[in-house]
């Protein structure tokens, strides 16, 4: 996890951005979902039981996708 990563700062900047999550449902099945906001995507991930093995989150901002890795996603889920 990046030492400088701030979940609150990230949410303040990108919270209203469309967010796509890609995750492994099991070892053979990958699922992708797009949400209107980062909060919606994080709430969806929090509700999954059991939590998925691999997760990549992409924020759509400034005409490009900004990826977040599992460690930073975990911090977002814990702090938001």
Protein backbone atom coordinates (compact mmCIF):
# COMPACT_ATOMS: atom_id res chain seq x y z
CA UNK A 1 0.00 0.00 0.00
CA UNK A 2 1.32 3.41 -0.84
CA UNK A 3 2.47 5.23 2.28
CA UNK A 4 1.08 8.48 0.88
CA UNK A 5 -2.33 7.11 -0.16
CA UNK A 6 -5.23 8.88 1.54
CA UNK A 7 -8.67 7.34 1.15
CA UNK A 8 -10.39 10.54 2.27
CA UNK A 9 -8.41 12.71 -0.13
CA UNK A 10 -9.03 10.27 -2.98
CA UNK A 11 -12.74 10.29 -2.24
CA UNK A 12 -12.79 14.11 -2.08
CA UNK A 13 -11.18 14.29 -5.54
CA UNK A 14 -12.82 11.32 -7.31
CA UNK A 15 -15.90 10.53 -5.21
CA UNK A 16 -18.36 11.67 -7.87
CA UNK A 17 -16.52 9.97 -10.75
CA UNK A 18 -17.85 6.96 -12.62
CA UNK A 19 -16.08 3.88 -11.28
CA UNK A 20 -15.58 0.42 -12.76
CA UNK A 21 -14.59 -2.57 -10.70
CA UNK A 22 -13.20 -5.80 -12.13
CA UNK A 23 -12.93 -8.73 -9.78
CA UNK A 24 -12.51 -12.48 -9.69
CA UNK A 25 -15.71 -14.15 -8.56
CA UNK A 26 -13.83 -17.44 -8.52
CA UNK A 27 -10.69 -18.70 -10.20
CA UNK A 28 -12.47 -19.03 -13.57
CA UNK A 29 -14.94 -16.15 -13.65
CA UNK A 30 -14.17 -12.43 -13.89
CA UNK A 31 -16.92 -9.89 -13.41
CA UNK A 32 -16.93 -6.20 -14.32
CA UNK A 33 -19.41 -3.60 -13.12
CA UNK A 34 -19.61 0.15 -13.63
CA UNK A 35 -21.14 2.49 -11.06
CA UNK A 36 -22.06 6.19 -11.29
CA UNK A 37 -19.87 7.10 -8.28
CA UNK A 38 -16.93 5.75 -6.33
CA UNK A 39 -19.10 5.46 -3.19
CA UNK A 40 -21.53 3.16 -5.05
CA UNK A 41 -18.65 0.93 -6.18
CA UNK A 42 -17.09 0.75 -2.71
CA UNK A 43 -20.48 0.00 -1.10
CA UNK A 44 -21.01 -2.82 -3.61
CA UNK A 45 -17.60 -4.33 -2.81
CA UNK A 46 -18.28 -4.11 0.93
CA UNK A 47 -21.51 -6.07 0.45
CA UNK A 48 -19.90 -9.00 -1.39
CA UNK A 49 -19.66 -12.12 0.73
CA UNK A 50 -17.16 -13.64 0.55
CA UNK A 51 -14.93 -10.79 -0.64
CA UNK A 52 -13.51 -11.41 -4.11
CA UNK A 53 -9.94 -12.61 -4.50
CA UNK A 54 -8.64 -10.14 -7.06
CA UNK A 55 -9.98 -6.62 -7.44
CA UNK A 56 -9.05 -3.73 -9.72
CA UNK A 57 -10.89 -0.44 -9.46
CA UNK A 58 -10.77 2.17 -12.25
CA UNK A 59 -11.94 5.76 -11.78
CA UNK A 60 -12.91 7.55 -14.98
CA UNK A 61 -11.59 11.12 -14.69
CA UNK A 62 -10.06 13.71 -16.97
CA UNK A 63 -10.67 11.53 -20.03
CA UNK A 64 -8.70 8.54 -18.75
CA UNK A 65 -8.96 5.59 -16.37
CA UNK A 66 -7.05 5.80 -13.11
CA UNK A 67 -6.44 2.30 -11.67
CA UNK A 68 -6.29 1.47 -7.97
CA UNK A 69 -4.70 -1.71 -6.68
CA UNK A 70 -6.06 -4.10 -4.06
CA UNK A 71 -4.18 -2.51 -1.15
CA UNK A 72 -5.55 0.94 -1.88
CA UNK A 73 -9.03 -0.49 -2.50
CA UNK A 74 -8.84 -2.18 0.92
CA UNK A 75 -7.97 1.15 2.49
CA UNK A 76 -10.88 2.83 0.69
CA UNK A 77 -13.26 0.13 1.91
CA UNK A 78 -12.00 0.43 5.47
CA UNK A 79 -12.05 4.23 5.69
CA UNK A 80 -15.18 5.15 3.73
